[in-house]
Amino acid sequence: MRSENTLFVGGPLDGRVLPVLTGHTGKPPQWYEVPVPDPDGGPATVYAYRLEPAAHSKRLGLPRGWKYTYVPEGREPRRWPWTKKGGGASPRTGLPPHE
């Protein structure tokens, strides 16, 4: 596996450069989550970082390198493209989904 040294901006990892595994296209994952265990044995705190371009090339505007930026509110929940926003009853059956 190939890795790329990536800068972290904001949050508890501010200013650190860590190796992050890249995908088959050479790009790091869109989100990087860091679980931190609770010292009292409670649930772990998860810090979320979103991938952003570090800089752009002058001529074509292509990304030159990547950085992770801290997102204090966390990662937004995944939404499938075929689901409705309201998630209400089906217009055909009148039943809530999956019932």
PDB file of N, CA and C in Angstrom:
ATOM      1  N   MET A   1       0.837  -1.188   0.000  1.00  0.00           N
ATOM      2  CA  MET A   1       0.000   0.000   0.000  1.00  0.00           C
ATOM      3  C   MET A   1       0.883   1.253   0.000  1.00  0.00           C
ATOM      4  N   ARG A   2       0.437   2.237  -0.687  1.00  0.00           N
ATOM      5  CA  ARG A   2       1.157   3.509  -0.752  1.00  0.00           C
ATOM      6  C   ARG A   2       0.569   4.469   0.261  1.00  0.00           C
ATOM      7  N   SER A   3       1.403   5.285   0.870  1.00  0.00           N
ATOM      8  CA  SER A   3       0.915   6.293   1.803  1.00  0.00           C
ATOM      9  C   SER A   3       1.476   7.656   1.402  1.00  0.00           C
ATOM     10  N   GLU A   4       0.788   8.687   1.884  1.00  0.00           N
ATOM     11  CA  GLU A   4       1.193  10.062   1.584  1.00  0.00           C
ATOM     12  C   GLU A   4       1.204  10.841   2.887  1.00  0.00           C
ATOM     13  N   ASN A   5       2.265  11.602   3.129  1.00  0.00           N
ATOM     14  CA  ASN A   5       2.313  12.448   4.317  1.00  0.00           C
ATOM     15  C   ASN A   5       1.326  13.592   4.143  1.00  0.00           C
ATOM     16  N   THR A   6       0.377  13.699   5.086  1.00  0.00           N
ATOM     17  CA  THR A   6      -0.726  14.645   4.955  1.00  0.00           C
ATOM     18  C   THR A   6      -0.777  15.551   6.176  1.00  0.00           C
ATOM     19  N   LEU A   7      -0.974  16.852   5.946  1.00  0.00           N
ATOM     20  CA  LEU A   7      -1.057  17.854   7.002  1.00  0.00           C
ATOM     21  C   LEU A   7      -2.452  17.857   7.621  1.00  0.00           C
ATOM     22  N   PHE A   8      -2.536  17.994   8.947  1.00  0.00           N
ATOM     23  CA  PHE A   8      -3.807  18.123   9.661  1.00  0.00           C
ATOM     24  C   PHE A   8      -3.914  19.546  10.197  1.00  0.00           C
ATOM     25  N   VAL A   9      -5.073  20.187   9.953  1.00  0.00           N
ATOM     26  CA  VAL A   9      -5.285  21.583  10.349  1.00  0.00           C
ATOM     27  C   VAL A   9      -6.458  21.635  11.318  1.00  0.00           C
ATOM     28  N   GLY A  10      -6.249  22.255  12.485  1.00  0.00           N
ATOM     29  CA  GLY A  10      -7.309  22.407  13.476  1.00  0.00           C
ATOM     30  C   GLY A  10      -7.464  21.175  14.341  1.00  0.00           C
ATOM     31  N   GLY A  11      -8.211  21.339  15.421  1.00  0.00           N
ATOM     32  CA  GLY A  11      -8.493  20.216  16.316  1.00  0.00           C
ATOM     33  C   GLY A  11      -7.265  19.736  17.075  1.00  0.00           C
ATOM     34  N   PRO A  12      -7.337  18.539  17.640  1.00  0.00           N
ATOM     35  CA  PRO A  12      -6.233  18.039  18.460  1.00  0.00           C
ATOM     36  C   PRO A  12      -4.990  17.654  17.654  1.00  0.00           C
ATOM     37  N   LEU A  13      -5.108  17.438  16.360  1.00  0.00           N
ATOM     38  CA  LEU A  13      -3.946  17.067  15.546  1.00  0.00           C
ATOM     39  C   LEU A  13      -3.372  18.250  14.775  1.00  0.00           C
ATOM     40  N   ASP A  14      -3.681  19.477  15.191  1.00  0.00           N
ATOM     41  CA  ASP A  14      -3.283  20.680  14.461  1.00  0.00           C
ATOM     42  C   ASP A  14      -1.773  20.741  14.263  1.00  0.00           C
ATOM     43  N   GLY A  15      -1.364  20.916  13.012  1.00  0.00           N
ATOM     44  CA  GLY A  15       0.040  21.080  12.682  1.00  0.00           C
ATOM     45  C   GLY A  15       0.797  19.780  12.486  1.00  0.00           C
ATOM     46  N   ARG A  16       0.201  18.649  12.755  1.00  0.00           N
ATOM     47  CA  ARG A  16       0.905  17.371  12.593  1.00  0.00           C
ATOM     48  C   ARG A  16       0.825  16.908  11.145  1.00  0.00           C
ATOM     49  N   VAL A  17       1.859  16.219  10.741  1.00  0.00           N
ATOM     50  CA  VAL A  17       1.908  15.597   9.416  1.00  0.00           C
ATOM     51  C   VAL A  17       1.996  14.097   9.639  1.00  0.00           C
ATOM     52  N   LEU A  18       0.971  13.370   9.196  1.00  0.00           N
ATOM     53  CA  LEU A  18       0.914  11.931   9.419  1.00  0.00           C
ATOM     54  C   LEU A  18       0.821  11.200   8.088  1.00  0.00           C
ATOM     55  N   PRO A  19       1.390   9.978   8.013  1.00  0.00           N
ATOM     56  CA  PRO A  19       1.211   9.196   6.788  1.00  0.00           C
ATOM     57  C   PRO A  19      -0.202   8.626   6.727  1.00  0.00           C
ATOM     58  N   VAL A  20      -0.878   8.827   5.598  1.00  0.00           N
ATOM     59  CA  VAL A  20      -2.245   8.343   5.394  1.00  0.00           C
ATOM     60  C   VAL A  20      -2.229   7.445   4.163  1.00  0.00           C
ATOM     61  N   LEU A  21      -2.833   6.263   4.275  1.00  0.00           N
ATOM     62  CA  LEU A  21      -2.905   5.358   3.134  1.00  0.00           C
ATOM     63  C   LEU A  21      -3.754   5.968   2.033  1.00  0.00           C
ATOM     64  N   THR A  22      -3.301   5.795   0.792  1.00  0.00           N
ATOM     65  CA  THR A  22      -4.040   6.331  -0.345  1.00  0.00           C
ATOM     66  C   THR A  22      -4.771   5.208  -1.069  1.00  0.00           C
ATOM     67  N   GLY A  23      -5.774   5.572  -1.846  1.00  0.00           N
ATOM     68  CA  GLY A  23      -6.515   4.606  -2.633  1.00  0.00           C
ATOM     69  C   GLY A  23      -5.765   4.259  -3.910  1.00  0.00           C
ATOM     70  N   HIS A  24      -6.403   3.497  -4.777  1.00  0.00           N
ATOM     71  CA  HIS A  24      -5.746   3.086  -6.019  1.00  0.00           C
ATOM     72  C   HIS A  24      -5.537   4.250  -6.988  1.00  0.00           C
ATOM     73  N   THR A  25      -6.220   5.373  -6.764  1.00  0.00           N
ATOM     74  CA  THR A  25      -6.010   6.560  -7.605  1.00  0.00           C
ATOM     75  C   THR A  25      -4.943   7.485  -7.042  1.00  0.00           C
ATOM     76  N   GLY A  26      -4.427   7.182  -5.841  1.00  0.00           N
ATOM     77  CA  GLY A  26      -3.411   8.019  -5.216  1.00  0.00           C
ATOM     78  C   GLY A  26      -3.975   9.116  -4.340  1.00  0.00           C
ATOM     79  N   LYS A  27      -5.296   9.133  -4.143  1.00  0.00           N
ATOM     80  CA  LYS A  27      -5.938  10.158  -3.325  1.00  0.00           C
ATOM     81  C   LYS A  27      -6.279   9.575  -1.951  1.00  0.00           C
ATOM     82  N   PRO A  28      -6.017  10.326  -0.863  1.00  0.00           N
ATOM     83  CA  PRO A  28      -6.400   9.850   0.473  1.00  0.00           C
ATOM     84  C   PRO A  28      -7.919   9.802   0.621  1.00  0.00           C
ATOM     85  N   PRO A  29      -8.443   9.092   1.631  1.00  0.00           N
ATOM     86  CA  PRO A  29      -9.895   9.029   1.819  1.00  0.00           C
ATOM     87  C   PRO A  29     -10.496  10.400   2.120  1.00  0.00           C
ATOM     88  N   GLN A  30     -11.778  10.573   1.782  1.00  0.00           N
ATOM     89  CA  GLN A  30     -12.471  11.854   1.937  1.00  0.00           C
ATOM     90  C   GLN A  30     -12.565  12.277   3.401  1.00  0.00           C
ATOM     91  N   TRP A  31     -12.749  11.334   4.312  1.00  0.00           N
ATOM     92  CA  TRP A  31     -12.850  11.619   5.741  1.00  0.00           C
ATOM     93  C   TRP A  31     -11.813  10.811   6.496  1.00  0.00           C
ATOM     94  N   TYR A  32     -11.265  11.388   7.567  1.00  0.00           N
ATOM     95  CA  TYR A  32     -10.322  10.698   8.442  1.00  0.00           C
ATOM     96  C   TYR A  32     -10.863  10.862   9.859  1.00  0.00           C
ATOM     97  N   GLU A  33     -11.172   9.772  10.506  1.00  0.00           N
ATOM     98  CA  GLU A  33     -11.730   9.817  11.855  1.00  0.00           C
ATOM     99  C   GLU A  33     -10.720   9.257  12.846  1.00  0.00           C
ATOM    100  N   VAL A  34     -10.529   9.999  13.957  1.00  0.00           N
ATOM    101  CA  VAL A  34      -9.575   9.608  14.982  1.00  0.00           C
ATOM    102  C   VAL A  34     -10.349   9.301  16.252  1.00  0.00           C
ATOM    103  N   PRO A  35     -10.479   8.013  16.646  1.00  0.00           N
ATOM    104  CA  PRO A  35     -11.154   7.688  17.899  1.00  0.00           C
ATOM    105  C   PRO A  35     -10.190   7.859  19.073  1.00  0.00           C
ATOM    106  N   VAL A  36     -10.625   8.570  20.109  1.00  0.00           N
ATOM    107  CA  VAL A  36      -9.818   8.783  21.315  1.00  0.00           C
ATOM    108  C   VAL A  36     -10.561   8.141  22.480  1.00  0.00           C
ATOM    109  N   PRO A  37      -9.962   7.110  23.120  1.00  0.00           N
ATOM    110  CA  PRO A  37     -10.667   6.440  24.213  1.00  0.00           C
ATOM    111  C   PRO A  37     -10.844   7.352  25.422  1.00  0.00           C
ATOM    112  N   ASP A  38     -11.954   7.164  26.117  1.00  0.00           N
ATOM    113  CA  ASP A  38     -12.246   7.932  27.322  1.00  0.00           C
ATOM    114  C   ASP A  38     -11.446   7.347  28.479  1.00  0.00           C
ATOM    115  N   PRO A  39     -10.746   8.174  29.286  1.00  0.00           N
ATOM    116  CA  PRO A  39      -9.949   7.630  30.391  1.00  0.00           C
ATOM    117  C   PRO A  39     -10.805   6.958  31.479  1.00  0.00           C
ATOM    118  N   ASP A  40     -12.088   7.338  31.581  1.00  0.00           N
ATOM    119  CA  ASP A  40     -12.956   6.751  32.600  1.00  0.00           C
ATOM    120  C   ASP A  40     -13.656   5.491  32.108  1.00  0.00           C
ATOM    121  N   GLY A  41     -13.368   5.057  30.891  1.00  0.00           N
ATOM    122  CA  GLY A  41     -13.979   3.848  30.360  1.00  0.00           C
ATOM    123  C   GLY A  41     -15.290   4.086  29.631  1.00  0.00           C
ATOM    124  N   GLY A  42     -15.664   5.327  29.410  1.00  0.00           N
ATOM    125  CA  GLY A  42     -16.900   5.646  28.698  1.00  0.00           C
ATOM    126  C   GLY A  42     -16.719   5.495  27.198  1.00  0.00           C
ATOM    127  N   PRO A  43     -17.700   5.966  26.425  1.00  0.00           N
ATOM    128  CA  PRO A  43     -17.570   5.862  24.967  1.00  0.00           C
ATOM    129  C   PRO A  43     -16.445   6.753  24.441  1.00  0.00           C
ATOM    130  N   ALA A  44     -15.819   6.295  23.379  1.00  0.00           N
ATOM    131  CA  ALA A  44     -14.693   7.021  22.797  1.00  0.00           C
ATOM    132  C   ALA A  44     -15.178   8.289  22.090  1.00  0.00           C
ATOM    133  N   THR A  45     -14.356   9.332  22.127  1.00  0.00           N
ATOM    134  CA  THR A  45     -14.624  10.559  21.384  1.00  0.00           C
ATOM    135  C   THR A  45     -14.016  10.407  19.993  1.00  0.00           C
ATOM    136  N   VAL A  46     -14.771  10.742  18.959  1.00  0.00           N
ATOM    137  CA  VAL A  46     -14.285  10.617  17.584  1.00  0.00           C
ATOM    138  C   VAL A  46     -14.118  12.012  16.996  1.00  0.00           C
ATOM    139  N   TYR A  47     -12.884  12.320  16.587  1.00  0.00           N
ATOM    140  CA  TYR A  47     -12.597  13.593  15.929  1.00  0.00           C
ATOM    141  C   TYR A  47     -12.618  13.357  14.424  1.00  0.00           C
ATOM    142  N   ALA A  48     -13.338  14.201  13.682  1.00  0.00           N
ATOM    143  CA  ALA A  48     -13.496  14.024  12.240  1.00  0.00           C
ATOM    144  C   ALA A  48     -12.725  15.112  11.488  1.00  0.00           C
ATOM    145  N   TYR A  49     -12.039  14.688  10.434  1.00  0.00           N
ATOM    146  CA  TYR A  49     -11.293  15.586   9.561  1.00  0.00           C
ATOM    147  C   TYR A  49     -11.748  15.350   8.123  1.00  0.00           C
ATOM    148  N   ARG A  50     -11.979  16.443   7.371  1.00  0.00           N
ATOM    149  CA  ARG A  50     -12.412  16.362   5.971  1.00  0.00           C
ATOM    150  C   ARG A  50     -11.238  16.702   5.057  1.00  0.00           C
ATOM    151  N   LEU A  51     -11.112  15.973   3.965  1.00  0.00           N
ATOM    152  CA  LEU A  51     -10.034  16.185   3.008  1.00  0.00           C
ATOM    153  C   LEU A  51     -10.299  17.421   2.159  1.00  0.00           C
ATOM    154  N   GLU A  52      -9.271  18.265   2.008  1.00  0.00           N
ATOM    155  CA  GLU A  52      -9.359  19.461   1.169  1.00  0.00           C
ATOM    156  C   GLU A  52      -8.052  19.628   0.415  1.00  0.00           C
ATOM    157  N   PRO A  53      -8.077  20.278  -0.742  1.00  0.00           N
ATOM    158  CA  PRO A  53      -6.818  20.519  -1.462  1.00  0.00           C
ATOM    159  C   PRO A  53      -5.930  21.482  -0.672  1.00  0.00           C
ATOM    160  N   ALA A  54      -4.630  21.185  -0.615  1.00  0.00           N
ATOM    161  CA  ALA A  54      -3.687  22.054   0.095  1.00  0.00           C
ATOM    162  C   ALA A  54      -3.376  23.296  -0.731  1.00  0.00           C
ATOM    163  N   ALA A  55      -3.283  23.134  -2.037  1.00  0.00           N
ATOM    164  CA  ALA A  55      -3.009  24.258  -2.945  1.00  0.00           C
ATOM    165  C   ALA A  55      -3.494  23.867  -4.339  1.00  0.00           C
ATOM    166  N   HIS A  56      -3.504  24.827  -5.252  1.00  0.00           N
ATOM    167  CA  HIS A  56      -3.899  24.567  -6.636  1.00  0.00           C
ATOM    168  C   HIS A  56      -2.783  25.019  -7.567  1.00  0.00           C
ATOM    169  N   SER A  57      -2.653  24.319  -8.694  1.00  0.00           N
ATOM    170  CA  SER A  57      -1.659  24.722  -9.685  1.00  0.00           C
ATOM    171  C   SER A  57      -2.118  26.017 -10.360  1.00  0.00           C
ATOM    172  N   LYS A  58      -1.161  26.803 -10.838  1.00  0.00           N
ATOM    173  CA  LYS A  58      -1.490  28.106 -11.414  1.00  0.00           C
ATOM    174  C   LYS A  58      -2.256  27.977 -12.721  1.00  0.00           C
ATOM    175  N   ARG A  59      -1.797  27.103 -13.590  1.00  0.00           N
ATOM    176  CA  ARG A  59      -2.357  27.066 -14.931  1.00  0.00           C
ATOM    177  C   ARG A  59      -3.698  26.371 -15.026  1.00  0.00           C
ATOM    178  N   LEU A  60      -3.778  25.157 -14.505  1.00  0.00           N
ATOM    179  CA  LEU A  60      -4.998  24.373 -14.689  1.00  0.00           C
ATOM    180  C   LEU A  60      -5.893  24.344 -13.459  1.00  0.00           C
ATOM    181  N   GLY A  61      -5.394  24.810 -12.338  1.00  0.00           N
ATOM    182  CA  GLY A  61      -6.194  24.803 -11.118  1.00  0.00           C
ATOM    183  C   GLY A  61      -6.347  23.421 -10.506  1.00  0.00           C
ATOM    184  N   LEU A  62      -5.441  22.504 -10.832  1.00  0.00           N
ATOM    185  CA  LEU A  62      -5.492  21.158 -10.271  1.00  0.00           C
ATOM    186  C   LEU A  62      -4.986  21.158  -8.839  1.00  0.00           C
ATOM    187  N   PRO A  63      -5.504  20.271  -7.981  1.00  0.00           N
ATOM    188  CA  PRO A  63      -5.024  20.225  -6.599  1.00  0.00           C
ATOM    189  C   PRO A  63      -3.580  19.749  -6.531  1.00  0.00           C
ATOM    190  N   ARG A  64      -2.787  20.435  -5.706  1.00  0.00           N
ATOM    191  CA  ARG A  64      -1.393  20.056  -5.467  1.00  0.00           C
ATOM    192  C   ARG A  64      -1.247  19.693  -4.007  1.00  0.00           C
ATOM    193  N   GLY A  65      -1.388  18.440  -3.720  1.00  0.00           N
ATOM    194  CA  GLY A  65      -1.290  17.979  -2.345  1.00  0.00           C
ATOM    195  C   GLY A  65      -2.628  18.111  -1.625  1.00  0.00           C
ATOM    196  N   TRP A  66      -2.704  17.470  -0.461  1.00  0.00           N
ATOM    197  CA  TRP A  66      -3.949  17.432   0.296  1.00  0.00           C
ATOM    198  C   TRP A  66      -3.703  17.781   1.747  1.00  0.00           C
ATOM    199  N   LYS A  67      -4.748  18.232   2.426  1.00  0.00           N
ATOM    200  CA  LYS A  67      -4.701  18.482   3.867  1.00  0.00           C
ATOM    201  C   LYS A  67      -6.046  18.074   4.457  1.00  0.00           C
ATOM    202  N   TYR A  68      -6.038  17.719   5.723  1.00  0.00           N
ATOM    203  CA  TYR A  68      -7.271  17.398   6.435  1.00  0.00           C
ATOM    204  C   TYR A  68      -7.610  18.557   7.359  1.00  0.00           C
ATOM    205  N   THR A  69      -8.851  19.028   7.293  1.00  0.00           N
ATOM    206  CA  THR A  69      -9.327  20.135   8.118  1.00  0.00           C
ATOM    207  C   THR A  69     -10.314  19.595   9.147  1.00  0.00           C
ATOM    208  N   TYR A  70     -10.148  20.016  10.399  1.00  0.00           N
ATOM    209  CA  TYR A  70     -10.992  19.553  11.502  1.00  0.00           C
ATOM    210  C   TYR A  70     -12.423  20.053  11.337  1.00  0.00           C
ATOM    211  N   VAL A  71     -13.385  19.163  11.563  1.00  0.00           N
ATOM    212  CA  VAL A  71     -14.809  19.501  11.499  1.00  0.00           C
ATOM    213  C   VAL A  71     -15.385  19.244  12.886  1.00  0.00           C
ATOM    214  N   PRO A  72     -15.607  20.305  13.704  1.00  0.00           N
ATOM    215  CA  PRO A  72     -16.050  20.097  15.088  1.00  0.00           C
ATOM    216  C   PRO A  72     -17.409  19.430  15.214  1.00  0.00           C
ATOM    217  N   GLU A  73     -18.322  19.654  14.254  1.00  0.00           N
ATOM    218  CA  GLU A  73     -19.653  19.038  14.361  1.00  0.00           C
ATOM    219  C   GLU A  73     -19.640  17.577  13.944  1.00  0.00           C
ATOM    220  N   GLY A  74     -18.538  17.091  13.422  1.00  0.00           N
ATOM    221  CA  GLY A  74     -18.422  15.686  13.041  1.00  0.00           C
ATOM    222  C   GLY A  74     -18.839  15.445  11.604  1.00  0.00           C
ATOM    223  N   ARG A  75     -18.782  14.200  11.241  1.00  0.00           N
ATOM    224  CA  ARG A  75     -19.107  13.785   9.875  1.00  0.00           C
ATOM    225  C   ARG A  75     -20.609  13.769   9.677  1.00  0.00           C
ATOM    226  N   GLU A  76     -21.068  14.305   8.541  1.00  0.00           N
ATOM    227  CA  GLU A  76     -22.498  14.289   8.264  1.00  0.00           C
ATOM    228  C   GLU A  76     -22.935  12.856   7.955  1.00  0.00           C
ATOM    229  N   PRO A  77     -24.151  12.499   8.330  1.00  0.00           N
ATOM    230  CA  PRO A  77     -24.602  11.129   8.085  1.00  0.00           C
ATOM    231  C   PRO A  77     -24.710  10.834   6.596  1.00  0.00           C
ATOM    232  N   ARG A  78     -24.476   9.594   6.258  1.00  0.00           N
ATOM    233  CA  ARG A  78     -24.543   9.169   4.870  1.00  0.00           C
ATOM    234  C   ARG A  78     -25.987   9.139   4.401  1.00  0.00           C
ATOM    235  N   ARG A  79     -26.234   9.652   3.206  1.00  0.00           N
ATOM    236  CA  ARG A  79     -27.587   9.663   2.657  1.00  0.00           C
ATOM    237  C   ARG A  79     -27.533   9.042   1.278  1.00  0.00           C
ATOM    238  N   TRP A  80     -28.319   8.011   1.078  1.00  0.00           N
ATOM    239  CA  TRP A  80     -28.340   7.345  -0.207  1.00  0.00           C
ATOM    240  C   TRP A  80     -29.127   8.185  -1.205  1.00  0.00           C
ATOM    241  N   PRO A  81     -28.731   8.217  -2.466  1.00  0.00           N
ATOM    242  CA  PRO A  81     -29.394   9.086  -3.432  1.00  0.00           C
ATOM    243  C   PRO A  81     -30.847   8.715  -3.710  1.00  0.00           C
ATOM    244  N   TRP A  82     -31.255   7.488  -3.466  1.00  0.00           N
ATOM    245  CA  TRP A  82     -32.625   7.087  -3.773  1.00  0.00           C
ATOM    246  C   TRP A  82     -33.580   7.270  -2.597  1.00  0.00           C
ATOM    247  N   THR A  83     -33.092   7.740  -1.433  1.00  0.00           N
ATOM    248  CA  THR A  83     -33.965   7.968  -0.296  1.00  0.00           C
ATOM    249  C   THR A  83     -34.507   9.390  -0.330  1.00  0.00           C
ATOM    250  N   LYS A  84     -35.688   9.563   0.241  1.00  0.00           N
ATOM    251  CA  LYS A  84     -36.296  10.887   0.302  1.00  0.00           C
ATOM    252  C   LYS A  84     -35.799  11.612   1.540  1.00  0.00           C
ATOM    253  N   LYS A  85     -35.860  12.939   1.521  1.00  0.00           N
ATOM    254  CA  LYS A  85     -35.422  13.719   2.668  1.00  0.00           C
ATOM    255  C   LYS A  85     -36.292  13.474   3.881  1.00  0.00           C
ATOM    256  N   GLY A  86     -37.615  13.475   3.706  1.00  0.00           N
ATOM    257  CA  GLY A  86     -38.523  13.310   4.835  1.00  0.00           C
ATOM    258  C   GLY A  86     -38.558  11.892   5.362  1.00  0.00           C
ATOM    259  N   GLY A  87     -38.376  10.912   4.477  1.00  0.00           N
ATOM    260  CA  GLY A  87     -38.430   9.524   4.893  1.00  0.00           C
ATOM    261  C   GLY A  87     -39.824   9.106   5.331  1.00  0.00           C
ATOM    262  N   GLY A  88     -40.861   9.749   4.804  1.00  0.00           N
ATOM    263  CA  GLY A  88     -42.242   9.498   5.213  1.00  0.00           C
ATOM    264  C   GLY A  88     -42.824   8.263   4.568  1.00  0.00           C
ATOM    265  N   ALA A  89     -44.131   8.219   4.539  1.00  0.00           N
ATOM    266  CA  ALA A  89     -44.857   7.062   4.022  1.00  0.00           C
ATOM    267  C   ALA A  89     -44.729   6.968   2.503  1.00  0.00           C
ATOM    268  N   SER A  90     -44.833   5.760   2.022  1.00  0.00           N
ATOM    269  CA  SER A  90     -44.779   5.504   0.596  1.00  0.00           C
ATOM    270  C   SER A  90     -46.075   5.994  -0.053  1.00  0.00           C
ATOM    271  N   PRO A  91     -45.992   6.701  -1.186  1.00  0.00           N
ATOM    272  CA  PRO A  91     -47.232   7.176  -1.816  1.00  0.00           C
ATOM    273  C   PRO A  91     -48.070   6.021  -2.378  1.00  0.00           C
ATOM    274  N   ARG A  92     -47.442   4.900  -2.675  1.00  0.00           N
ATOM    275  CA  ARG A  92     -48.158   3.786  -3.263  1.00  0.00           C
ATOM    276  C   ARG A  92     -48.901   2.970  -2.204  1.00  0.00           C
ATOM    277  N   THR A  93     -48.222   2.626  -1.070  1.00  0.00           N
ATOM    278  CA  THR A  93     -48.825   1.768  -0.061  1.00  0.00           C
ATOM    279  C   THR A  93     -49.337   2.518   1.162  1.00  0.00           C
ATOM    280  N   GLY A  94     -48.800   3.709   1.401  1.00  0.00           N
ATOM    281  CA  GLY A  94     -49.199   4.456   2.588  1.00  0.00           C
ATOM    282  C   GLY A  94     -48.507   4.007   3.851  1.00  0.00           C
ATOM    283  N   LEU A  95     -47.582   3.033   3.736  1.00  0.00           N
ATOM    284  CA  LEU A  95     -46.854   2.517   4.900  1.00  0.00           C
ATOM    285  C   LEU A  95     -45.504   3.190   5.009  1.00  0.00           C
ATOM    286  N   PRO A  96     -44.971   3.299   6.247  1.00  0.00           N
ATOM    287  CA  PRO A  96     -43.598   3.799   6.395  1.00  0.00           C
ATOM    288  C   PRO A  96     -42.632   2.816   5.734  1.00  0.00           C
ATOM    289  N   PRO A  97     -41.433   3.267   5.386  1.00  0.00           N
ATOM    290  CA  PRO A  97     -40.484   2.393   4.715  1.00  0.00           C
ATOM    291  C   PRO A  97     -40.103   1.200   5.591  1.00  0.00           C
ATOM    292  N   HIS A  98     -39.853   0.065   4.953  1.00  0.00           N
ATOM    293  CA  HIS A  98     -39.384  -1.172   5.592  1.00  0.00           C
ATOM    294  C   HIS A  98     -40.414  -1.750   6.563  1.00  0.00           C
ATOM    295  N   GLU A  99     -41.671  -1.619   6.296  1.00  0.00           N
ATOM    296  CA  GLU A  99     -42.688  -2.252   7.144  1.00  0.00           C
ATOM    297  C   GLU A  99     -43.683  -2.990   6.320  1.00  0.00           C
TER     298      GLU A  99
END
